[in-house]
Amino acid sequence: MGLDDLLKNVQIAAIVCNQLGDTGKGKFSYYFASHWANVTARGTGGNNAGHTVIVNGKEKIFHLLPTGIVNDSKGQVTIMGNGMVIDLAALLNELKELEQEGKSYNNLMISKDAHVIMPYHVFYDRKKDQSQKAGGIGTTGRGIGPAYSDKIARRGITIGDLFNVDGLAKKVDRSLEYYPDSKKDRDEIISSLTLQSNKIKPFFRNTVSEMHRFVREGKKILLEGAQGLLLSIEHGTYPYVTSSDCSLNGTASGVGLSAKMIDLPLGIIKFPFMTRVGAGAFPSELGGNASEIYCAEEGHGKLDELKKYCIPSVVENGKIIYDKRHRKIINMMNSRDEFIQGVGIRLAAGEYGATTGRPRRVGWIDAVAAKYAVGINGPLFVLTKVDAVDSLDEFKVCYGYSNKEGLHQNFSKDDGFLRTVSPQYNNYGAYFDVSSIRDYIKLPRSLKGAIYDFENFTGGRVVIVSVGADREETIVR
């Protein structure tokens, strides 16, 4: 089946993550935006997310804007939906970067109903929950949680409120009552918001009405998810979750649509390893509790780990460049010490936060969690990062959890339960370099065998396999 077959009779498609975020949604949002969509829209989260794409051979990181913005010059519409929370300073920085790169954003639409991340939200978030080491949940410290809390408490400030100066002042006064120690000056906040809102005024829209119009007109619409299902406030490993519903349902609702309207829901999954950022249970984590503690500490970023393990690197234009297939990294990937093996896979796959730079915790793919995701986000899988670990002597897939009560093959989002279990694995043999393959049938036997078992266990079907970071390094099955 080719891309045309996959997209036949599809008007609305969605790219969501079936794991814990950082699975490569950006690449596939860009892939479908470039090959197919007229409209791209994002409906959850804020600048706590980071999507990395390769545009004309160069890495580009987005934190708020949907990746489809790079096609603005072709007339593609980009929507920041009602379910998002927006830091205006961060948004303006991203728009400025586009200007500096000579890219337009004339077709951007920003929902009047999206909520604004205020300075006191950021202050409170950094004070309360950012530090995983100090007992917090390991947030990005961007003010996301407090902004959503104010939204639910009905005291939030929307993009639409910014254009009513008198009403804005009253709302800021009310909100500041709940942040008495934030030390943020009310007049300074309003002055800054007024200046920022004037810059985004041309893009201010009732995006729900616009979206419904696009549906009626038959436009091809791509919904771009943020974070991952297991981080969803509704379906994730609570309380170690984000503050929005990043499931298929939340992604659709966040732009004013019903999930029933989505013709092609695609769930992104890293394979055969997966990652997690921040605190929370991770049954298949390599290195277990030691890895969780290590990744919570300062001083373990990419450059730190390269220096620690004596792997040559250079920094050019702010980018850390090194050989991901260096013999030391390959040796680490195949170490019998699981902690070292996790570090090796992290270095080989470049698993460091696009937004924060934090080291991502690494573990084997969890098919039990993937089966859970099928029931919420649908049965269609996109596998990513299979090319990143083709130097492994063997890899594993978790098909169950065991504890004193026996074997469990159904997922529970309860953190306490997940910390009591041991993963039960199937082992698979090594496979070779897959980066040049474009036909599924030509993939290595061990990899196809693992995918076959994974599909049978989860009830899902793999329709796309990513074999590299570039948009075209993609197999459509």
Protein backbone atom coordinates (compact mmCIF):
# COMPACT_ATOMS: atom_id res chain seq x y z
CA MET A 1 0.00 0.00 0.00
CA GLY A 2 1.33 3.44 -0.91
CA LEU A 3 0.63 6.87 0.51
CA ASP A 4 -2.20 7.49 -1.99
CA ASP A 5 -3.90 4.29 -0.86
CA LEU A 6 -3.51 5.20 2.81
CA LEU A 7 -5.04 8.64 2.23
CA LYS A 8 -7.84 7.55 -0.09
CA ASN A 9 -11.16 9.13 0.97
CA VAL A 10 -9.47 10.82 3.96
CA GLN A 11 -10.43 14.40 4.77
CA ILE A 12 -9.25 14.64 8.38
CA ALA A 13 -6.13 12.88 9.68
CA ALA A 14 -4.54 13.08 13.11
CA ILE A 15 -0.99 12.44 14.33
CA VAL A 16 -0.95 11.52 18.02
CA CYS A 17 1.55 9.80 20.30
CA ASN A 18 0.66 6.43 21.82
CA GLN A 19 3.46 6.54 24.39
CA LEU A 20 5.07 9.18 26.61
CA GLY A 21 5.79 11.88 24.04
CA ASP A 22 8.95 12.53 22.01
CA THR A 23 8.07 9.83 19.49
CA GLY A 24 8.53 11.76 16.23
CA LYS A 25 5.13 13.39 15.75
CA GLY A 26 6.90 16.41 14.26
CA LYS A 27 8.37 14.44 11.38
CA PHE A 28 5.03 12.94 10.41
CA SER A 29 3.09 16.15 10.90
CA TYR A 30 5.57 17.71 8.47
CA TYR A 31 5.36 14.67 6.18
CA PHE A 32 1.57 14.79 5.82
CA ALA A 33 1.47 18.59 5.82
CA SER A 34 3.89 18.65 2.90
CA HIS A 35 2.39 15.79 0.87
CA TRP A 36 -1.30 16.19 1.52
CA ALA A 37 -2.87 18.75 3.89
CA ASN A 38 -4.45 22.14 3.21
CA VAL A 39 -4.83 22.92 6.92
CA THR A 40 -2.71 21.91 9.92
CA ALA A 41 -3.94 22.49 13.46
CA ARG A 42 -2.80 21.90 17.01
CA GLY A 43 -5.23 21.78 19.94
CA THR A 44 -3.41 20.89 23.16
CA GLY A 45 -0.51 21.95 25.35
CA GLY A 46 1.83 24.89 25.08
CA ASN A 47 5.54 25.49 24.74
CA ASN A 48 6.25 22.47 26.93
CA ALA A 49 6.20 20.47 23.70
CA GLY A 50 8.94 20.40 21.11
CA HIS A 51 8.69 19.01 17.60
CA THR A 52 11.90 18.51 15.68
CA VAL A 53 11.77 18.25 11.88
CA ILE A 54 14.33 18.24 9.09
CA VAL A 55 13.56 21.01 6.58
CA ASN A 56 15.80 21.16 3.49
CA GLY A 57 18.44 19.16 5.33
CA LYS A 58 18.45 21.40 8.40
CA GLU A 59 17.03 20.69 11.84
CA LYS A 60 14.12 22.91 12.88
CA ILE A 61 12.51 22.84 16.32
CA PHE A 62 8.97 24.09 16.98
CA HIS A 63 7.57 24.58 20.48
CA LEU A 64 4.16 26.14 19.81
CA LEU A 65 3.57 26.46 16.09
CA PRO A 66 2.33 23.44 14.14
CA THR A 67 5.00 22.20 11.76
CA GLY A 68 2.78 22.95 8.77
CA ILE A 69 3.75 26.61 9.16
CA VAL A 70 6.76 25.89 6.91
CA ASN A 71 4.26 25.50 4.03
CA ASP A 72 2.68 28.90 4.64
CA SER A 73 4.07 30.30 1.39
CA LYS A 74 2.10 27.60 -0.45
CA GLY A 75 -1.14 28.85 1.08
CA GLN A 76 -1.44 26.21 3.77
CA VAL A 77 -3.44 27.40 6.79
CA THR A 78 -1.98 26.86 10.27
CA ILE A 79 -4.25 26.91 13.34
CA MET A 80 -3.41 27.24 17.04
CA GLY A 81 -6.60 25.90 18.57
CA ASN A 82 -8.87 26.66 21.48
CA GLY A 83 -7.40 23.88 23.63
CA MET A 84 -3.89 25.32 23.70
CA VAL A 85 -2.25 27.54 26.31
CA ILE A 86 0.01 30.15 24.75
CA ASP A 87 3.03 32.01 26.09
CA LEU A 88 2.98 35.15 23.94
CA ALA A 89 6.69 35.85 24.35
CA ALA A 90 7.54 32.31 23.24
CA LEU A 91 5.17 32.57 20.27
CA LEU A 92 6.64 35.89 19.16
CA ASN A 93 10.13 34.41 19.39
CA GLU A 94 9.11 31.56 17.08
CA LEU A 95 7.56 33.98 14.61
CA LYS A 96 10.69 36.11 14.71
CA GLU A 97 12.79 33.03 13.90
CA LEU A 98 10.62 32.38 10.86
CA GLU A 99 11.13 35.97 9.72
CA GLN A 100 14.90 35.65 10.11
CA GLU A 101 14.81 32.50 8.01
CA GLY A 102 12.84 34.29 5.30
CA LYS A 103 9.67 32.26 5.92
CA SER A 104 6.15 33.69 5.95
CA TYR A 105 3.28 33.06 8.38
CA ASN A 106 0.49 35.03 6.69
CA ASN A 107 -1.99 32.15 6.96
CA LEU A 108 -1.61 31.62 10.70
CA MET A 109 -4.79 31.63 12.80
CA ILE A 110 -4.76 31.90 16.61
CA SER A 111 -7.90 30.93 18.52
CA LYS A 112 -9.62 33.66 20.49
CA ASP A 113 -10.45 30.98 23.06
CA ALA A 114 -6.93 29.69 23.67
CA HIS A 115 -5.68 30.62 27.12
CA VAL A 116 -2.67 32.80 27.86
CA ILE A 117 0.24 31.67 30.00
CA MET A 118 0.85 34.57 32.38
CA PRO A 119 4.15 35.50 34.08
CA TYR A 120 2.79 34.41 37.45
CA HIS A 121 1.97 30.99 36.01
CA VAL A 122 5.62 30.48 35.09
CA PHE A 123 6.76 31.74 38.51
CA TYR A 124 4.44 29.37 40.35
CA ASP A 125 5.28 26.39 38.14
CA ARG A 126 9.01 26.78 38.68
CA LYS A 127 8.49 27.18 42.39
CA LYS A 128 6.26 24.14 42.83
CA ASP A 129 6.69 21.36 40.30
CA GLN A 130 9.69 21.72 38.03
CA SER A 131 12.25 19.92 40.13
CA GLN A 132 11.83 16.18 39.88
CA LYS A 133 14.76 15.76 42.26
CA ALA A 134 13.00 17.85 44.92
CA GLY A 135 9.85 15.76 44.71
CA GLY A 136 8.06 17.63 41.92
CA ILE A 137 6.65 15.80 38.92
CA GLY A 138 9.40 17.10 36.65
CA THR A 139 7.53 19.71 34.60
CA THR A 140 9.24 21.95 32.05
CA GLY A 141 8.61 24.98 34.28
CA ARG A 142 6.82 26.79 31.45
CA GLY A 143 3.63 27.60 33.40
CA ILE A 144 1.49 25.05 31.56
CA GLY A 145 -0.13 23.44 34.62
CA PRO A 146 -1.05 26.70 36.40
CA ALA A 147 -2.50 28.11 33.16
CA TYR A 148 -4.75 25.07 32.74
CA SER A 149 -5.63 25.21 36.45
CA ASP A 150 -6.86 28.77 36.03
CA LYS A 151 -8.81 27.74 32.94
CA ILE A 152 -10.63 25.02 34.88
CA ALA A 153 -11.17 27.37 37.83
CA ARG A 154 -12.79 29.85 35.40
CA ARG A 155 -10.37 32.66 36.12
CA GLY A 156 -8.11 32.18 33.09
CA ILE A 157 -7.31 34.84 30.53
CA THR A 158 -7.96 34.05 26.87
CA ILE A 159 -6.44 35.49 23.72
CA GLY A 160 -9.77 37.25 23.18
CA ASP A 161 -9.53 38.96 26.57
CA LEU A 162 -6.32 40.70 25.49
CA PHE A 163 -8.26 42.98 23.17
CA ASN A 164 -10.54 44.32 25.93
CA VAL A 165 -8.24 46.54 28.01
CA ASP A 166 -10.69 47.31 30.82
CA GLY A 167 -11.84 43.72 31.12
CA LEU A 168 -8.26 42.49 30.99
CA ALA A 169 -7.22 44.66 33.93
CA LYS A 170 -10.06 43.26 36.05
CA LYS A 171 -9.16 39.68 35.15
CA VAL A 172 -5.49 40.20 35.93
CA ASP A 173 -6.41 41.72 39.31
CA ARG A 174 -8.58 38.73 40.10
CA SER A 175 -5.94 36.21 39.04
CA LEU A 176 -3.18 37.88 41.03
CA GLU A 177 -5.20 37.27 44.21
CA TYR A 178 -4.36 33.59 43.79
CA TYR A 179 -0.63 34.26 43.29
CA PRO A 180 0.18 36.67 46.14
CA ASP A 181 3.87 35.75 46.28
CA SER A 182 4.55 35.97 42.55
CA LYS A 183 5.97 39.53 42.86
CA LYS A 184 4.62 40.39 39.42
CA ASP A 185 3.53 44.00 38.95
CA ARG A 186 -0.02 44.31 37.63
CA ASP A 187 0.57 47.38 35.45
CA GLU A 188 3.76 45.91 34.03
CA ILE A 189 1.92 42.69 33.13
CA ILE A 190 -0.89 44.57 31.37
CA SER A 191 1.55 46.81 29.50
CA SER A 192 3.53 43.81 28.27
CA LEU A 193 0.39 41.90 27.26
CA THR A 194 -0.94 44.90 25.34
CA LEU A 195 2.29 45.22 23.37
CA GLN A 196 2.40 41.50 22.61
CA SER A 197 -1.27 41.23 21.69
CA ASN A 198 -0.94 44.04 19.15
CA LYS A 199 1.64 41.95 17.32
CA ILE A 200 -0.63 38.91 17.06
CA LYS A 201 -3.88 40.80 16.38
CA PRO A 202 -3.84 40.11 12.62
CA PHE A 203 -4.04 36.37 13.37
CA PHE A 204 -6.81 36.51 15.99
CA ARG A 205 -9.76 34.33 14.86
CA ASN A 206 -12.77 32.31 15.91
CA THR A 207 -10.88 29.20 14.85
CA VAL A 208 -13.72 26.79 15.63
CA SER A 209 -15.92 28.53 13.07
CA GLU A 210 -13.02 28.60 10.64
CA MET A 211 -12.40 24.90 11.16
CA HIS A 212 -16.04 24.04 10.55
CA ARG A 213 -15.90 26.09 7.34
CA PHE A 214 -12.85 24.18 6.18
CA VAL A 215 -14.67 20.91 6.82
CA ARG A 216 -17.67 22.07 4.77
CA GLU A 217 -15.38 23.15 1.95
CA GLY A 218 -13.75 19.74 1.84
CA LYS A 219 -10.29 20.94 2.84
CA LYS A 220 -7.77 18.29 3.84
CA ILE A 221 -7.13 18.80 7.54
CA LEU A 222 -4.24 17.48 9.62
CA LEU A 223 -4.45 17.54 13.42
CA GLU A 224 -1.05 17.66 15.11
CA GLY A 225 -0.91 16.12 18.57
CA ALA A 226 1.33 17.18 21.43
CA GLN A 227 2.91 15.08 24.22
CA GLY A 228 1.59 11.49 24.45
CA LEU A 229 -1.35 9.39 25.55
CA LEU A 230 0.38 8.12 28.68
CA LEU A 231 0.90 11.77 29.70
CA SER A 232 -2.76 12.70 29.17
CA ILE A 233 -4.52 14.22 32.17
CA GLU A 234 -7.41 11.82 31.41
CA HIS A 235 -5.64 8.63 30.40
CA GLY A 236 -2.03 8.94 31.58
CA THR A 237 -0.02 7.77 34.59
CA TYR A 238 -1.55 10.32 36.96
CA PRO A 239 -0.25 12.42 38.67
CA TYR A 240 2.86 12.24 36.47
CA VAL A 241 1.07 13.69 33.48
CA THR A 242 0.67 16.92 31.56
CA SER A 243 -2.33 19.20 32.13
CA SER A 244 -4.23 18.62 28.88
CA ASP A 245 -5.87 15.63 27.25
CA CYS A 246 -3.42 14.72 24.51
CA SER A 247 -5.39 11.66 23.41
CA LEU A 248 -7.14 11.56 20.05
CA ASN A 249 -10.28 12.91 21.73
CA GLY A 250 -8.50 15.86 23.31
CA THR A 251 -6.60 16.64 20.13
CA ALA A 252 -9.86 16.86 18.18
CA SER A 253 -11.75 18.79 20.86
CA GLY A 254 -8.89 21.26 21.13
CA VAL A 255 -9.57 22.48 17.60
CA GLY A 256 -13.38 22.30 17.79
CA LEU A 257 -13.96 18.91 16.18
CA SER A 258 -15.31 15.53 17.24
CA ALA A 259 -12.92 12.59 17.25
CA LYS A 260 -15.57 10.72 15.24
CA MET A 261 -14.80 13.03 12.33
CA ILE A 262 -11.19 11.81 12.07
CA ASP A 263 -10.85 9.46 9.12
CA LEU A 264 -7.22 8.48 9.71
CA PRO A 265 -5.95 8.46 13.32
CA LEU A 266 -2.25 7.55 13.40
CA GLY A 267 -0.61 6.63 16.70
CA ILE A 268 3.15 7.19 16.79
CA ILE A 269 5.28 4.66 18.67
CA LYS A 270 9.03 4.38 19.11
CA PHE A 271 10.22 0.88 18.35
CA PRO A 272 11.94 -1.17 19.74
CA PHE A 273 12.73 1.23 22.57
CA MET A 274 10.75 4.03 24.18
CA THR A 275 11.49 7.02 26.41
CA ARG A 276 10.08 9.10 29.23
CA VAL A 277 10.96 12.60 30.45
CA GLY A 278 10.32 13.63 34.06
CA ALA A 279 9.10 11.52 36.96
CA GLY A 280 6.66 8.63 36.89
CA ALA A 281 6.62 4.85 36.62
CA PHE A 282 8.36 3.24 33.65
CA PRO A 283 8.31 -0.57 34.04
CA SER A 284 10.62 -1.36 31.11
CA GLU A 285 13.21 1.32 31.93
CA LEU A 286 16.82 0.26 31.44
CA GLY A 287 18.57 0.87 34.74
CA GLY A 288 15.30 1.14 36.66
CA ASN A 289 15.26 3.44 39.66
CA ALA A 290 18.92 4.39 39.20
CA SER A 291 18.13 5.74 35.74
CA GLU A 292 15.11 7.72 36.99
CA ILE A 293 17.21 9.34 39.73
CA TYR A 294 20.12 10.03 37.39
CA CYS A 295 17.92 11.69 34.73
CA ALA A 296 16.34 13.90 37.41
CA GLU A 297 19.70 15.35 38.44
CA GLU A 298 21.39 18.36 36.89
CA GLY A 299 24.46 17.97 34.73
CA HIS A 300 23.48 14.96 32.65
CA GLY A 301 22.70 16.58 29.32
CA LYS A 302 24.01 15.42 25.96
CA LEU A 303 27.36 17.20 26.17
CA ASP A 304 27.86 16.03 29.77
CA GLU A 305 27.34 12.40 28.80
CA LEU A 306 29.60 12.65 25.76
CA LYS A 307 32.40 14.01 27.94
CA LYS A 308 31.79 11.49 30.71
CA TYR A 309 32.08 8.53 28.35
CA CYS A 310 34.96 10.05 26.33
CA ILE A 311 33.09 10.29 23.04
CA PRO A 312 34.49 13.00 20.70
CA SER A 313 32.17 15.90 19.86
CA VAL A 314 32.19 19.49 18.64
CA VAL A 315 29.75 22.35 19.08
CA GLU A 316 28.90 24.28 15.91
CA ASN A 317 26.32 27.09 15.89
CA GLY A 318 24.94 25.81 19.16
CA LYS A 319 24.54 22.24 17.86
CA ILE A 320 26.39 19.32 19.43
CA ILE A 321 27.81 17.15 16.68
CA TYR A 322 29.13 13.63 17.27
CA ASP A 323 29.21 10.20 15.63
CA LYS A 324 26.13 8.34 16.87
CA ARG A 325 27.71 5.11 15.64
CA HIS A 326 30.97 5.64 17.47
CA ARG A 327 32.38 2.30 18.63
CA LYS A 328 32.12 3.38 22.29
CA ILE A 329 28.41 4.11 21.88
CA ILE A 330 27.85 0.75 20.17
CA ASN A 331 29.69 -1.00 22.98
CA MET A 332 27.53 0.82 25.54
CA MET A 333 24.34 -0.14 23.67
CA ASN A 334 25.31 -3.78 24.00
CA SER A 335 26.53 -3.62 27.59
CA ARG A 336 25.22 -6.18 30.07
CA ASP A 337 24.85 -3.31 32.54
CA GLU A 338 21.31 -2.08 31.82
CA PHE A 339 22.02 1.44 33.06
CA ILE A 340 24.99 1.79 30.66
CA GLN A 341 22.93 0.22 27.88
CA GLY A 342 20.25 2.87 28.42
CA VAL A 343 22.84 5.67 28.18
CA GLY A 344 24.22 4.09 25.00
CA ILE A 345 20.79 3.96 23.35
CA ARG A 346 20.13 7.55 24.46
CA LEU A 347 23.34 8.72 22.78
CA ALA A 348 22.77 6.60 19.65
CA ALA A 349 19.23 7.89 19.22
CA GLY A 350 19.84 11.48 20.41
CA GLU A 351 17.24 11.19 23.14
CA TYR A 352 17.42 14.59 24.82
CA GLY A 353 14.49 16.98 25.21
CA ALA A 354 13.91 19.32 22.27
CA THR A 355 12.46 21.90 24.66
CA THR A 356 14.49 21.32 27.83
CA GLY A 357 17.64 19.44 26.76
CA ARG A 358 17.01 16.96 29.58
CA PRO A 359 18.14 13.34 29.13
CA ARG A 360 15.21 11.09 28.33
CA ARG A 361 14.84 7.92 30.36
CA VAL A 362 15.21 4.90 28.06
CA GLY A 363 13.51 1.50 28.14
CA TRP A 364 12.30 -1.27 25.87
CA ILE A 365 9.03 -0.95 23.99
CA ASP A 366 5.99 -1.73 26.16
CA ALA A 367 3.39 -3.66 24.16
CA VAL A 368 1.02 -3.77 27.15
CA ALA A 369 0.80 0.03 27.12
CA ALA A 370 0.47 0.00 23.32
CA LYS A 371 -2.53 -2.35 23.56
CA TYR A 372 -4.11 0.15 25.97
CA ALA A 373 -3.45 2.94 23.44
CA VAL A 374 -5.26 1.02 20.69
CA GLY A 375 -8.47 1.19 22.72
CA ILE A 376 -8.28 4.99 23.02
CA ASN A 377 -6.43 6.29 19.95
CA GLY A 378 -7.28 3.57 17.44
CA PRO A 379 -5.43 0.61 15.88
CA LEU A 380 -3.11 2.25 13.33
CA PHE A 381 0.55 2.52 14.30
CA VAL A 382 3.48 4.48 12.94
CA LEU A 383 6.83 3.12 14.15
CA THR A 384 9.77 5.49 14.57
CA LYS A 385 13.45 5.30 15.51
CA VAL A 386 13.93 1.74 14.25
CA ASP A 387 17.01 2.99 12.40
CA ALA A 388 18.59 4.47 15.54
CA VAL A 389 19.40 1.16 17.25
CA ASP A 390 20.36 -1.12 14.37
CA SER A 391 23.71 -1.76 16.09
CA LEU A 392 22.10 -3.73 18.92
CA ASP A 393 23.07 -7.39 19.23
CA GLU A 394 19.49 -8.06 20.33
CA PHE A 395 16.40 -6.15 21.41
CA LYS A 396 13.41 -6.83 23.61
CA VAL A 397 9.65 -6.22 23.66
CA CYS A 398 7.65 -6.22 26.90
CA TYR A 399 4.51 -8.38 26.64
CA GLY A 400 3.49 -8.48 30.28
CA TYR A 401 4.17 -7.42 33.86
CA SER A 402 4.68 -9.77 36.78
CA ASN A 403 4.46 -9.24 40.52
CA LYS A 404 3.50 -11.34 43.54
CA GLU A 405 -0.06 -11.51 42.22
CA GLY A 406 1.05 -13.11 38.95
CA LEU A 407 1.24 -12.08 35.28
CA HIS A 408 -0.59 -8.97 34.05
CA GLN A 409 -1.17 -8.26 30.37
CA ASN A 410 -3.54 -5.32 30.73
CA PHE A 411 -2.24 -1.82 31.37
CA SER A 412 -3.02 0.12 34.54
CA LYS A 413 -2.21 3.81 34.74
CA ASP A 414 -1.79 3.54 38.51
CA ASP A 415 1.74 4.66 39.37
CA GLY A 416 1.89 2.53 42.50
CA PHE A 417 0.98 -0.64 40.60
CA LEU A 418 3.44 0.05 37.77
CA ARG A 419 6.27 0.43 40.30
CA THR A 420 5.63 -3.04 41.76
CA VAL A 421 5.92 -5.00 38.52
CA SER A 422 8.74 -6.55 36.53
CA PRO A 423 8.56 -6.54 32.72
CA GLN A 424 8.30 -9.85 30.89
CA TYR A 425 10.16 -9.79 27.59
CA ASN A 426 10.45 -11.57 24.29
CA ASN A 427 13.96 -11.34 22.83
CA TYR A 428 14.71 -10.69 19.16
CA GLY A 429 17.92 -10.89 17.14
CA ALA A 430 19.99 -8.08 15.64
CA TYR A 431 19.04 -6.34 12.40
CA PHE A 432 21.09 -4.35 9.91
CA ASP A 433 21.02 -0.76 8.62
CA VAL A 434 17.49 0.03 7.39
CA SER A 435 17.90 3.69 6.41
CA SER A 436 17.90 3.05 2.66
CA ILE A 437 14.90 0.68 2.65
CA ARG A 438 11.59 1.95 1.23
CA ASP A 439 9.69 -1.34 0.88
CA TYR A 440 8.33 -3.03 4.02
CA ILE A 441 8.97 -6.53 2.70
CA LYS A 442 12.71 -5.76 2.53
CA LEU A 443 13.02 -5.01 6.24
CA PRO A 444 15.17 -7.48 8.22
CA ARG A 445 13.48 -10.70 9.31
CA SER A 446 14.00 -10.14 13.05
CA LEU A 447 12.43 -6.69 12.86
CA LYS A 448 9.43 -7.91 10.84
CA GLY A 449 9.03 -10.81 13.26
CA ALA A 450 8.90 -8.46 16.23
CA ILE A 451 6.37 -6.23 14.43
CA TYR A 452 4.21 -9.28 13.64
CA ASP A 453 4.17 -10.34 17.29
CA PHE A 454 3.54 -6.75 18.41
CA GLU A 455 0.54 -6.42 16.10
CA ASN A 456 -0.95 -9.73 17.23
CA PHE A 457 -0.63 -8.83 20.90
CA THR A 458 -1.92 -5.24 20.68
CA GLY A 459 -4.62 -5.69 18.05
CA GLY A 460 -3.09 -2.85 16.09
CA ARG A 461 -1.57 -2.62 12.63
CA VAL A 462 1.67 -0.95 11.59
CA VAL A 463 0.99 1.14 8.48
CA ILE A 464 4.17 3.28 8.41
CA VAL A 465 7.75 2.67 9.48
CA SER A 466 10.20 5.55 9.82
CA VAL A 467 13.78 4.64 8.89
CA GLY A 468 15.39 8.06 9.42
CA ALA A 469 14.81 11.64 10.54
CA ASP A 470 14.29 13.07 7.06
CA ARG A 471 10.73 13.39 5.82
CA GLU A 472 11.27 10.99 2.92
CA GLU A 473 13.01 8.29 4.96
CA THR A 474 9.64 6.61 5.35
CA ILE A 475 8.07 3.27 4.46
CA VAL A 476 4.31 3.24 3.83
CA ARG A 477 3.22 -0.37 4.17
